[in-house]
Amino acid sequence: MFNTIHFEYPYALLLPLLLLLCLRFCKQKNGRLFFPNASLFKKLGKKSASLLTLLKVLVFIALTVALSSPYRQDDIIMQKDKGYEISLILDASGSMQEMGKFDIVKNIVTDFVNQRPHDKLGLTIFADFAYVAIPLTYDKASIKRLLSKINVGIAGKQRTALYEALFMSSKLFASSKAKEKIAILLTDGVDNTNTIPLDVAINTAKKYGIKVYVIGVGGRGDYNPAILQKIAHDTGGEFFEAGSVERLKKIYSYINKLEKSEIKADKYIKKTYLFGYPLSLALLLMIGYFIYRKRG
């Protein structure tokens, strides 16, 4: 909070030094009266004078802070252009449990989400069936929270509804007006549900202008590279093979750099003036000063 507080007239903060010098060297000369037991009154007088002096110093400091015109500065960034719209499509079938593949993928995808602050992202999961876990949204926290909770088996373990997942994910863009629409499809298997034909899935993606990046994980015998290559080629995307964790990281990093949002923004500075707080404190201290002085 204090990093955002500034002063319009910072040199005014030096004024308390003048007050302290004056209190030290500008002694007031008063007449003196002598009477018995003066030492007792002298002690009481010193305590009272010390408190009054402290109150005067605090009043002066509070007034000085108010005079310096403190304010809190907040930078407000107004986005002119929206970023990309990206659908993340993840295979959660039983085979993704082998060697902890699904957990590795979740961590890498979470890091990818963190690097897309200006984009709308959606999440589709598939195994025995496909379902849209989160539609396109700017709420990255929801996506990351869900990613941390989903596990293999959430949509079954026996089958791989690959084409259905691409079809359903493409439908997310039905009303989209974004210039750039991307889908990143990751799988380690082949479609074996026959719920949606391959050409229907591809044509739906093409209909909405979606560029599909396809990632095959595991060994070549686990997925059909020809089919995945066709999905990527027909939609204007690219096909990647990831046989290791490092390779998978590099692929997501490559896609992130390749499809980078160019966001134009206007920056505004909002100032909230805070002089009212020290001014109110000075007023309260002055009231306390006069009340204590009157009692003394």
C-alpha atoms as a PDB file:
ATOM      1  CA  MET A   1       0.000   0.000   0.000  1.00  0.00           C
ATOM      2  CA  PHE A   2       2.750   2.465   0.953  1.00  0.00           C
ATOM      3  CA  ASN A   3       4.444   1.942  -2.415  1.00  0.00           C
ATOM      4  CA  THR A   4       1.492   3.691  -4.054  1.00  0.00           C
ATOM      5  CA  ILE A   5       1.458   6.734  -1.705  1.00  0.00           C
ATOM      6  CA  HIS A   6       3.103   9.899  -3.005  1.00  0.00           C
ATOM      7  CA  PHE A   7       3.324  13.552  -1.945  1.00  0.00           C
ATOM      8  CA  GLU A   8       2.649  16.525  -4.206  1.00  0.00           C
ATOM      9  CA  TYR A   9       4.717  18.838  -1.987  1.00  0.00           C
ATOM     10  CA  PRO A  10       7.277  16.560  -0.312  1.00  0.00           C
ATOM     11  CA  TYR A  11       9.530  19.429   0.873  1.00  0.00           C
ATOM     12  CA  ALA A  12       6.774  20.479   3.275  1.00  0.00           C
ATOM     13  CA  LEU A  13       7.696  17.405   5.312  1.00  0.00           C
ATOM     14  CA  LEU A  14      10.870  19.232   6.408  1.00  0.00           C
ATOM     15  CA  LEU A  15       8.897  21.824   8.384  1.00  0.00           C
ATOM     16  CA  PRO A  16       8.777  19.710  11.602  1.00  0.00           C
ATOM     17  CA  LEU A  17      12.574  20.055  11.756  1.00  0.00           C
ATOM     18  CA  LEU A  18      12.157  23.837  12.107  1.00  0.00           C
ATOM     19  CA  LEU A  19       9.675  23.296  14.919  1.00  0.00           C
ATOM     20  CA  LEU A  20      12.070  20.983  16.761  1.00  0.00           C
ATOM     21  CA  LEU A  21      14.908  23.520  16.376  1.00  0.00           C
ATOM     22  CA  CYS A  22      12.646  26.260  17.673  1.00  0.00           C
ATOM     23  CA  LEU A  23      11.586  24.188  20.680  1.00  0.00           C
ATOM     24  CA  ARG A  24      15.236  23.502  21.432  1.00  0.00           C
ATOM     25  CA  PHE A  25      16.670  26.992  21.058  1.00  0.00           C
ATOM     26  CA  CYS A  26      13.758  29.449  21.239  1.00  0.00           C
ATOM     27  CA  LYS A  27      13.042  29.329  24.959  1.00  0.00           C
ATOM     28  CA  GLN A  28      10.185  31.463  26.236  1.00  0.00           C
ATOM     29  CA  LYS A  29      11.137  33.827  29.095  1.00  0.00           C
ATOM     30  CA  ASN A  30       8.557  34.036  31.868  1.00  0.00           C
ATOM     31  CA  GLY A  31       8.368  35.838  35.229  1.00  0.00           C
ATOM     32  CA  ARG A  32       9.142  33.751  38.285  1.00  0.00           C
ATOM     33  CA  LEU A  33       7.367  33.358  41.612  1.00  0.00           C
ATOM     34  CA  PHE A  34       8.969  31.675  44.639  1.00  0.00           C
ATOM     35  CA  PHE A  35       6.947  29.915  47.316  1.00  0.00           C
ATOM     36  CA  PRO A  36       7.337  26.931  49.734  1.00  0.00           C
ATOM     37  CA  ASN A  37       7.160  23.331  48.367  1.00  0.00           C
ATOM     38  CA  ALA A  38       7.876  24.625  44.892  1.00  0.00           C
ATOM     39  CA  SER A  39       9.609  21.359  43.914  1.00  0.00           C
ATOM     40  CA  LEU A  40       6.328  19.433  43.967  1.00  0.00           C
ATOM     41  CA  PHE A  41       4.633  21.926  41.646  1.00  0.00           C
ATOM     42  CA  LYS A  42       7.723  21.978  39.476  1.00  0.00           C
ATOM     43  CA  LYS A  43       7.451  18.220  38.847  1.00  0.00           C
ATOM     44  CA  LEU A  44       3.756  18.457  38.049  1.00  0.00           C
ATOM     45  CA  GLY A  45       4.404  21.407  35.801  1.00  0.00           C
ATOM     46  CA  LYS A  46       7.092  19.553  33.871  1.00  0.00           C
ATOM     47  CA  LYS A  47       4.791  16.588  33.173  1.00  0.00           C
ATOM     48  CA  SER A  48       2.016  18.874  32.038  1.00  0.00           C
ATOM     49  CA  ALA A  49       4.358  20.958  29.895  1.00  0.00           C
ATOM     50  CA  SER A  50       5.883  17.845  28.326  1.00  0.00           C
ATOM     51  CA  LEU A  51       2.484  16.485  27.355  1.00  0.00           C
ATOM     52  CA  LEU A  52       1.394  19.832  25.936  1.00  0.00           C
ATOM     53  CA  THR A  53       4.616  20.079  23.981  1.00  0.00           C
ATOM     54  CA  LEU A  54       4.124  16.569  22.610  1.00  0.00           C
ATOM     55  CA  LEU A  55       0.582  17.419  21.557  1.00  0.00           C
ATOM     56  CA  LYS A  56       1.793  20.602  19.842  1.00  0.00           C
ATOM     57  CA  VAL A  57       4.479  18.660  17.965  1.00  0.00           C
ATOM     58  CA  LEU A  58       1.984  15.995  16.874  1.00  0.00           C
ATOM     59  CA  VAL A  59      -0.482  18.644  15.715  1.00  0.00           C
ATOM     60  CA  PHE A  60       2.258  20.341  13.720  1.00  0.00           C
ATOM     61  CA  ILE A  61       3.399  17.062  12.159  1.00  0.00           C
ATOM     62  CA  ALA A  62      -0.162  16.106  11.195  1.00  0.00           C
ATOM     63  CA  LEU A  63      -0.728  19.537   9.646  1.00  0.00           C
ATOM     64  CA  THR A  64       2.576  19.262   7.797  1.00  0.00           C
ATOM     65  CA  VAL A  65       1.632  15.870   6.356  1.00  0.00           C
ATOM     66  CA  ALA A  66      -1.700  17.328   5.237  1.00  0.00           C
ATOM     67  CA  LEU A  67       0.117  20.321   3.711  1.00  0.00           C
ATOM     68  CA  SER A  68       2.385  17.994   1.723  1.00  0.00           C
ATOM     69  CA  SER A  69      -0.801  16.707   0.005  1.00  0.00           C
ATOM     70  CA  PRO A  70      -0.406  12.904   0.168  1.00  0.00           C
ATOM     71  CA  TYR A  71      -2.200  10.851  -2.456  1.00  0.00           C
ATOM     72  CA  ARG A  72      -2.486   7.260  -3.531  1.00  0.00           C
ATOM     73  CA  GLN A  73      -1.690   6.568  -7.169  1.00  0.00           C
ATOM     74  CA  ASP A  74      -3.299   3.685  -9.034  1.00  0.00           C
ATOM     75  CA  ASP A  75      -2.451   2.823 -12.621  1.00  0.00           C
ATOM     76  CA  ILE A  76      -5.551   1.829 -14.561  1.00  0.00           C
ATOM     77  CA  ILE A  77      -4.970   0.041 -17.843  1.00  0.00           C
ATOM     78  CA  MET A  78      -7.852   0.072 -20.290  1.00  0.00           C
ATOM     79  CA  GLN A  79      -7.571  -2.599 -22.943  1.00  0.00           C
ATOM     80  CA  LYS A  80      -8.425  -1.474 -26.466  1.00  0.00           C
ATOM     81  CA  ASP A  81      -8.127  -4.820 -28.209  1.00  0.00           C
ATOM     82  CA  LYS A  82      -9.055  -8.236 -26.924  1.00  0.00           C
ATOM     83  CA  GLY A  83      -6.575 -11.062 -27.071  1.00  0.00           C
ATOM     84  CA  TYR A  84      -7.034 -14.478 -28.598  1.00  0.00           C
ATOM     85  CA  GLU A  85      -9.733 -16.995 -27.803  1.00  0.00           C
ATOM     86  CA  ILE A  86      -8.162 -20.344 -27.039  1.00  0.00           C
ATOM     87  CA  SER A  87      -9.779 -23.688 -26.329  1.00  0.00           C
ATOM     88  CA  LEU A  88      -7.684 -26.193 -24.389  1.00  0.00           C
ATOM     89  CA  ILE A  89      -8.702 -29.783 -25.181  1.00  0.00           C
ATOM     90  CA  LEU A  90      -7.232 -32.443 -22.892  1.00  0.00           C
ATOM     91  CA  ASP A  91      -7.330 -36.216 -23.090  1.00  0.00           C
ATOM     92  CA  ALA A  92      -8.251 -37.638 -19.650  1.00  0.00           C
ATOM     93  CA  SER A  93      -8.621 -41.269 -20.671  1.00  0.00           C
ATOM     94  CA  GLY A  94      -7.157 -44.141 -18.690  1.00  0.00           C
ATOM     95  CA  SER A  95      -3.921 -44.289 -20.680  1.00  0.00           C
ATOM     96  CA  MET A  96      -3.071 -40.734 -19.575  1.00  0.00           C
ATOM     97  CA  GLN A  97      -2.564 -42.123 -16.080  1.00  0.00           C
ATOM     98  CA  GLU A  98       0.511 -44.060 -17.170  1.00  0.00           C
ATOM     99  CA  MET A  99       3.775 -42.550 -15.894  1.00  0.00           C
ATOM    100  CA  GLY A 100       1.825 -39.619 -14.472  1.00  0.00           C
ATOM    101  CA  LYS A 101       1.246 -38.108 -17.927  1.00  0.00           C
ATOM    102  CA  PHE A 102      -1.963 -36.328 -16.986  1.00  0.00           C
ATOM    103  CA  ASP A 103      -0.441 -34.604 -13.948  1.00  0.00           C
ATOM    104  CA  ILE A 104       2.513 -33.471 -16.048  1.00  0.00           C
ATOM    105  CA  VAL A 105       0.161 -32.101 -18.712  1.00  0.00           C
ATOM    106  CA  LYS A 106      -1.911 -30.246 -16.098  1.00  0.00           C
ATOM    107  CA  ASN A 107       1.169 -28.491 -14.732  1.00  0.00           C
ATOM    108  CA  ILE A 108       2.361 -27.448 -18.190  1.00  0.00           C
ATOM    109  CA  VAL A 109      -1.112 -26.259 -19.239  1.00  0.00           C
ATOM    110  CA  THR A 110      -1.450 -24.283 -15.989  1.00  0.00           C
ATOM    111  CA  ASP A 111       1.809 -22.512 -16.796  1.00  0.00           C
ATOM    112  CA  PHE A 112       0.486 -21.798 -20.302  1.00  0.00           C
ATOM    113  CA  VAL A 113      -2.690 -20.283 -18.800  1.00  0.00           C
ATOM    114  CA  ASN A 114      -0.565 -18.004 -16.612  1.00  0.00           C
ATOM    115  CA  GLN A 115       1.151 -16.638 -19.701  1.00  0.00           C
ATOM    116  CA  ARG A 116      -2.108 -15.653 -21.446  1.00  0.00           C
ATOM    117  CA  PRO A 117      -3.443 -12.826 -19.220  1.00  0.00           C
ATOM    118  CA  HIS A 118      -5.368 -11.036 -21.996  1.00  0.00           C
ATOM    119  CA  ASP A 119      -6.975 -14.044 -23.682  1.00  0.00           C
ATOM    120  CA  LYS A 120     -10.278 -15.825 -23.251  1.00  0.00           C
ATOM    121  CA  LEU A 121      -9.653 -19.486 -22.503  1.00  0.00           C
ATOM    122  CA  GLY A 122     -11.915 -22.515 -22.418  1.00  0.00           C
ATOM    123  CA  LEU A 123     -11.352 -26.082 -21.254  1.00  0.00           C
ATOM    124  CA  THR A 124     -12.734 -29.304 -22.746  1.00  0.00           C
ATOM    125  CA  ILE A 125     -12.054 -32.745 -21.253  1.00  0.00           C
ATOM    126  CA  PHE A 126     -12.589 -36.056 -23.014  1.00  0.00           C
ATOM    127  CA  ALA A 127     -12.333 -39.787 -22.424  1.00  0.00           C
ATOM    128  CA  ASP A 128     -15.406 -42.068 -22.778  1.00  0.00           C
ATOM    129  CA  PHE A 129     -17.260 -38.877 -23.671  1.00  0.00           C
ATOM    130  CA  ALA A 130     -16.357 -35.226 -24.119  1.00  0.00           C
ATOM    131  CA  TYR A 131     -17.652 -32.296 -22.123  1.00  0.00           C
ATOM    132  CA  VAL A 132     -16.950 -28.604 -21.888  1.00  0.00           C
ATOM    133  CA  ALA A 133     -15.569 -28.104 -18.390  1.00  0.00           C
ATOM    134  CA  ILE A 134     -15.297 -24.303 -18.707  1.00  0.00           C
ATOM    135  CA  PRO A 135     -16.573 -22.207 -21.622  1.00  0.00           C
ATOM    136  CA  LEU A 136     -14.465 -19.365 -22.997  1.00  0.00           C
ATOM    137  CA  THR A 137     -13.759 -16.947 -20.165  1.00  0.00           C
ATOM    138  CA  TYR A 138     -11.289 -14.355 -18.894  1.00  0.00           C
ATOM    139  CA  ASP A 139     -11.468 -15.973 -15.455  1.00  0.00           C
ATOM    140  CA  LYS A 140      -8.104 -17.725 -15.377  1.00  0.00           C
ATOM    141  CA  ALA A 141      -8.468 -18.537 -11.681  1.00  0.00           C
ATOM    142  CA  SER A 142     -11.441 -20.811 -12.401  1.00  0.00           C
ATOM    143  CA  ILE A 143      -9.536 -22.670 -15.104  1.00  0.00           C
ATOM    144  CA  LYS A 144      -6.495 -23.195 -12.895  1.00  0.00           C
ATOM    145  CA  ARG A 145      -8.654 -24.236  -9.956  1.00  0.00           C
ATOM    146  CA  LEU A 146     -10.448 -26.839 -12.069  1.00  0.00           C
ATOM    147  CA  LEU A 147      -7.199 -28.081 -13.596  1.00  0.00           C
ATOM    148  CA  SER A 148      -5.854 -28.724 -10.113  1.00  0.00           C
ATOM    149  CA  LYS A 149      -8.899 -30.888  -9.253  1.00  0.00           C
ATOM    150  CA  ILE A 150      -9.635 -32.949 -12.362  1.00  0.00           C
ATOM    151  CA  ASN A 151      -8.063 -36.383 -12.675  1.00  0.00           C
ATOM    152  CA  VAL A 152      -8.021 -39.316 -15.050  1.00  0.00           C
ATOM    153  CA  GLY A 153     -11.374 -41.087 -14.933  1.00  0.00           C
ATOM    154  CA  ILE A 154     -13.507 -37.969 -14.565  1.00  0.00           C
ATOM    155  CA  ALA A 155     -15.008 -38.772 -17.977  1.00  0.00           C
ATOM    156  CA  GLY A 156     -14.411 -42.523 -17.886  1.00  0.00           C
ATOM    157  CA  LYS A 157     -11.289 -44.562 -18.592  1.00  0.00           C
ATOM    158  CA  GLN A 158     -12.044 -47.022 -21.356  1.00  0.00           C
ATOM    159  CA  ARG A 159     -12.456 -44.933 -24.503  1.00  0.00           C
ATOM    160  CA  THR A 160     -11.206 -41.826 -26.297  1.00  0.00           C
ATOM    161  CA  ALA A 161     -13.851 -39.480 -27.732  1.00  0.00           C
ATOM    162  CA  LEU A 162     -11.302 -37.462 -29.686  1.00  0.00           C
ATOM    163  CA  TYR A 163     -13.476 -36.226 -32.555  1.00  0.00           C
ATOM    164  CA  GLU A 164     -16.386 -35.472 -30.232  1.00  0.00           C
ATOM    165  CA  ALA A 165     -14.071 -33.317 -28.125  1.00  0.00           C
ATOM    166  CA  LEU A 166     -12.916 -31.316 -31.152  1.00  0.00           C
ATOM    167  CA  PHE A 167     -16.529 -30.908 -32.322  1.00  0.00           C
ATOM    168  CA  MET A 168     -17.821 -29.746 -28.919  1.00  0.00           C
ATOM    169  CA  SER A 169     -14.865 -27.441 -28.372  1.00  0.00           C
ATOM    170  CA  SER A 170     -15.420 -25.859 -31.788  1.00  0.00           C
ATOM    171  CA  LYS A 171     -19.027 -25.090 -30.845  1.00  0.00           C
ATOM    172  CA  LEU A 172     -17.687 -22.786 -28.137  1.00  0.00           C
ATOM    173  CA  PHE A 173     -16.769 -20.342 -30.904  1.00  0.00           C
ATOM    174  CA  ALA A 174     -20.213 -20.274 -32.508  1.00  0.00           C
ATOM    175  CA  SER A 175     -20.904 -16.687 -31.434  1.00  0.00           C
ATOM    176  CA  SER A 176     -17.283 -15.560 -31.233  1.00  0.00           C
ATOM    177  CA  LYS A 177     -16.189 -12.359 -32.955  1.00  0.00           C
ATOM    178  CA  ALA A 178     -12.514 -12.791 -32.145  1.00  0.00           C
ATOM    179  CA  LYS A 179     -10.034 -12.378 -34.967  1.00  0.00           C
ATOM    180  CA  GLU A 180      -7.848 -15.198 -33.680  1.00  0.00           C
ATOM    181  CA  LYS A 181      -9.436 -18.499 -32.600  1.00  0.00           C
ATOM    182  CA  ILE A 182      -7.144 -21.280 -31.455  1.00  0.00           C
ATOM    183  CA  ALA A 183      -7.619 -24.827 -30.187  1.00  0.00           C
ATOM    184  CA  ILE A 184      -4.836 -26.893 -28.622  1.00  0.00           C
ATOM    185  CA  LEU A 185      -5.755 -30.564 -28.710  1.00  0.00           C
ATOM    186  CA  LEU A 186      -3.644 -33.012 -26.688  1.00  0.00           C
ATOM    187  CA  THR A 187      -4.104 -36.782 -26.797  1.00  0.00           C
ATOM    188  CA  ASP A 188      -2.255 -40.062 -26.404  1.00  0.00           C
ATOM    189  CA  GLY A 189      -4.834 -42.206 -28.174  1.00  0.00           C
ATOM    190  CA  VAL A 190      -7.113 -42.741 -31.160  1.00  0.00           C
ATOM    191  CA  ASP A 191     -10.824 -42.095 -31.413  1.00  0.00           C
ATOM    192  CA  ASN A 192     -12.768 -45.279 -30.652  1.00  0.00           C
ATOM    193  CA  THR A 193     -16.236 -43.995 -29.754  1.00  0.00           C
ATOM    194  CA  ASN A 194     -17.574 -43.237 -33.267  1.00  0.00           C
ATOM    195  CA  THR A 195     -19.914 -40.548 -31.898  1.00  0.00           C
ATOM    196  CA  ILE A 196     -18.772 -37.826 -34.322  1.00  0.00           C
ATOM    197  CA  PRO A 197     -17.175 -38.489 -37.745  1.00  0.00           C
ATOM    198  CA  LEU A 198     -13.709 -37.028 -38.287  1.00  0.00           C
ATOM    199  CA  ASP A 199     -14.751 -34.890 -41.257  1.00  0.00           C
ATOM    200  CA  VAL A 200     -17.641 -33.379 -39.275  1.00  0.00           C
ATOM    201  CA  ALA A 201     -15.295 -32.432 -36.443  1.00  0.00           C
ATOM    202  CA  ILE A 202     -12.756 -30.890 -38.818  1.00  0.00           C
ATOM    203  CA  ASN A 203     -15.378 -29.032 -40.870  1.00  0.00           C
ATOM    204  CA  THR A 204     -16.925 -27.604 -37.707  1.00  0.00           C
ATOM    205  CA  ALA A 205     -13.554 -26.232 -36.658  1.00  0.00           C
ATOM    206  CA  LYS A 206     -13.032 -24.793 -40.149  1.00  0.00           C
ATOM    207  CA  LYS A 207     -16.535 -23.306 -40.173  1.00  0.00           C
ATOM    208  CA  TYR A 208     -15.704 -21.148 -37.157  1.00  0.00           C
ATOM    209  CA  GLY A 209     -12.211 -20.310 -38.366  1.00  0.00           C
ATOM    210  CA  ILE A 210     -10.406 -22.250 -35.627  1.00  0.00           C
ATOM    211  CA  LYS A 211      -6.737 -23.058 -36.028  1.00  0.00           C
ATOM    212  CA  VAL A 212      -6.069 -26.398 -34.306  1.00  0.00           C
ATOM    213  CA  TYR A 213      -2.678 -27.276 -32.861  1.00  0.00           C
ATOM    214  CA  VAL A 214      -2.527 -31.000 -32.178  1.00  0.00           C
ATOM    215  CA  ILE A 215      -0.114 -32.672 -29.758  1.00  0.00           C
ATOM    216  CA  GLY A 216       0.440 -36.404 -29.604  1.00  0.00           C
ATOM    217  CA  VAL A 217       2.008 -37.562 -26.334  1.00  0.00           C
ATOM    218  CA  GLY A 218       3.655 -40.895 -25.634  1.00  0.00           C
ATOM    219  CA  GLY A 219       4.914 -43.317 -28.261  1.00  0.00           C
ATOM    220  CA  ARG A 220       3.866 -43.358 -31.928  1.00  0.00           C
ATOM    221  CA  GLY A 221       1.968 -46.588 -31.371  1.00  0.00           C
ATOM    222  CA  ASP A 222      -0.277 -44.849 -28.855  1.00  0.00           C
ATOM    223  CA  TYR A 223      -1.863 -42.392 -31.313  1.00  0.00           C
ATOM    224  CA  ASN A 224      -2.363 -42.136 -35.064  1.00  0.00           C
ATOM    225  CA  PRO A 225      -0.010 -39.430 -36.354  1.00  0.00           C
ATOM    226  CA  ALA A 226      -1.663 -39.384 -39.796  1.00  0.00           C
ATOM    227  CA  ILE A 227      -5.065 -38.486 -38.309  1.00  0.00           C
ATOM    228  CA  LEU A 228      -3.633 -35.858 -35.977  1.00  0.00           C
ATOM    229  CA  GLN A 229      -1.602 -34.415 -38.844  1.00  0.00           C
ATOM    230  CA  LYS A 230      -4.771 -34.176 -40.959  1.00  0.00           C
ATOM    231  CA  ILE A 231      -6.673 -32.284 -38.219  1.00  0.00           C
ATOM    232  CA  ALA A 232      -3.847 -29.779 -37.888  1.00  0.00           C
ATOM    233  CA  HIS A 233      -3.258 -29.389 -41.633  1.00  0.00           C
ATOM    234  CA  ASP A 234      -6.926 -28.959 -42.594  1.00  0.00           C
ATOM    235  CA  THR A 235      -7.486 -26.249 -39.976  1.00  0.00           C
ATOM    236  CA  GLY A 236      -4.258 -24.335 -40.617  1.00  0.00           C
ATOM    237  CA  GLY A 237      -2.550 -25.467 -37.425  1.00  0.00           C
ATOM    238  CA  GLU A 238       0.452 -27.677 -36.705  1.00  0.00           C
ATOM    239  CA  PHE A 239       1.019 -31.200 -35.437  1.00  0.00           C
ATOM    240  CA  PHE A 240       3.596 -31.974 -32.745  1.00  0.00           C
ATOM    241  CA  GLU A 241       4.861 -35.168 -31.172  1.00  0.00           C
ATOM    242  CA  ALA A 242       5.933 -35.061 -27.539  1.00  0.00           C
ATOM    243  CA  GLY A 243       7.868 -38.050 -26.309  1.00  0.00           C
ATOM    244  CA  SER A 244       9.241 -36.349 -23.208  1.00  0.00           C
ATOM    245  CA  VAL A 245       8.307 -33.762 -20.604  1.00  0.00           C
ATOM    246  CA  GLU A 246      10.860 -31.284 -21.924  1.00  0.00           C
ATOM    247  CA  ARG A 247       9.558 -31.687 -25.467  1.00  0.00           C
ATOM    248  CA  LEU A 248       5.994 -31.048 -24.271  1.00  0.00           C
ATOM    249  CA  LYS A 249       7.085 -27.891 -22.439  1.00  0.00           C
ATOM    250  CA  LYS A 250       8.839 -26.630 -25.563  1.00  0.00           C
ATOM    251  CA  ILE A 251       5.731 -27.256 -27.666  1.00  0.00           C
ATOM    252  CA  TYR A 252       3.459 -25.199 -25.405  1.00  0.00           C
ATOM    253  CA  SER A 253       6.140 -22.515 -25.204  1.00  0.00           C
ATOM    254  CA  TYR A 254       6.406 -22.491 -29.007  1.00  0.00           C
ATOM    255  CA  ILE A 255       2.627 -22.157 -29.429  1.00  0.00           C
ATOM    256  CA  ASN A 256       2.581 -19.422 -26.812  1.00  0.00           C
ATOM    257  CA  LYS A 257       5.208 -17.406 -28.705  1.00  0.00           C
ATOM    258  CA  LEU A 258       3.756 -18.174 -32.122  1.00  0.00           C
ATOM    259  CA  GLU A 259       0.253 -17.073 -31.203  1.00  0.00           C
ATOM    260  CA  LYS A 260       1.150 -14.061 -29.081  1.00  0.00           C
ATOM    261  CA  SER A 261      -1.549 -11.472 -28.455  1.00  0.00           C
ATOM    262  CA  GLU A 262      -0.638  -7.928 -29.358  1.00  0.00           C
ATOM    263  CA  ILE A 263      -2.601  -5.890 -26.854  1.00  0.00           C
ATOM    264  CA  LYS A 264      -2.901  -2.134 -27.257  1.00  0.00           C
ATOM    265  CA  ALA A 265      -3.741  -0.373 -24.034  1.00  0.00           C
ATOM    266  CA  ASP A 266      -4.332   3.086 -22.679  1.00  0.00           C
ATOM    267  CA  LYS A 267      -2.872   3.801 -19.269  1.00  0.00           C
ATOM    268  CA  TYR A 268      -4.601   6.171 -16.869  1.00  0.00           C
ATOM    269  CA  ILE A 269      -3.385   7.358 -13.516  1.00  0.00           C
ATOM    270  CA  LYS A 270      -5.985   7.665 -10.786  1.00  0.00           C
ATOM    271  CA  LYS A 271      -5.106   9.888  -7.812  1.00  0.00           C
ATOM    272  CA  THR A 272      -6.911   9.585  -4.500  1.00  0.00           C
ATOM    273  CA  TYR A 273      -6.017  12.469  -2.191  1.00  0.00           C
ATOM    274  CA  LEU A 274      -5.481  11.520   1.449  1.00  0.00           C
ATOM    275  CA  PHE A 275      -4.824  14.899   3.145  1.00  0.00           C
ATOM    276  CA  GLY A 276      -8.180  14.644   4.936  1.00  0.00           C
ATOM    277  CA  TYR A 277      -6.855  11.928   7.238  1.00  0.00           C
ATOM    278  CA  PRO A 278      -3.889  13.841   8.744  1.00  0.00           C
ATOM    279  CA  LEU A 279      -6.036  16.993   8.810  1.00  0.00           C
ATOM    280  CA  SER A 280      -8.709  15.221  10.854  1.00  0.00           C
ATOM    281  CA  LEU A 281      -6.024  13.821  13.155  1.00  0.00           C
ATOM    282  CA  ALA A 282      -4.598  17.327  13.651  1.00  0.00           C
ATOM    283  CA  LEU A 283      -8.058  18.624  14.585  1.00  0.00           C
ATOM    284  CA  LEU A 284      -8.557  15.876  17.169  1.00  0.00           C
ATOM    285  CA  LEU A 285      -5.107  16.506  18.652  1.00  0.00           C
ATOM    286  CA  MET A 286      -5.815  20.258  18.867  1.00  0.00           C
ATOM    287  CA  ILE A 287      -9.045  19.583  20.737  1.00  0.00           C
ATOM    288  CA  GLY A 288      -7.129  17.320  23.112  1.00  0.00           C
ATOM    289  CA  TYR A 289      -4.471  20.011  23.530  1.00  0.00           C
ATOM    290  CA  PHE A 290      -6.959  22.741  24.511  1.00  0.00           C
ATOM    291  CA  ILE A 291      -8.935  20.449  26.822  1.00  0.00           C
ATOM    292  CA  TYR A 292      -5.775  19.355  28.654  1.00  0.00           C
ATOM    293  CA  ARG A 293      -4.467  22.904  28.819  1.00  0.00           C
ATOM    294  CA  LYS A 294      -7.733  24.190  30.272  1.00  0.00           C
ATOM    295  CA  ARG A 295      -7.693  21.500  32.970  1.00  0.00           C
ATOM    296  CA  GLY A 296      -4.107  22.339  33.788  1.00  0.00           C
END
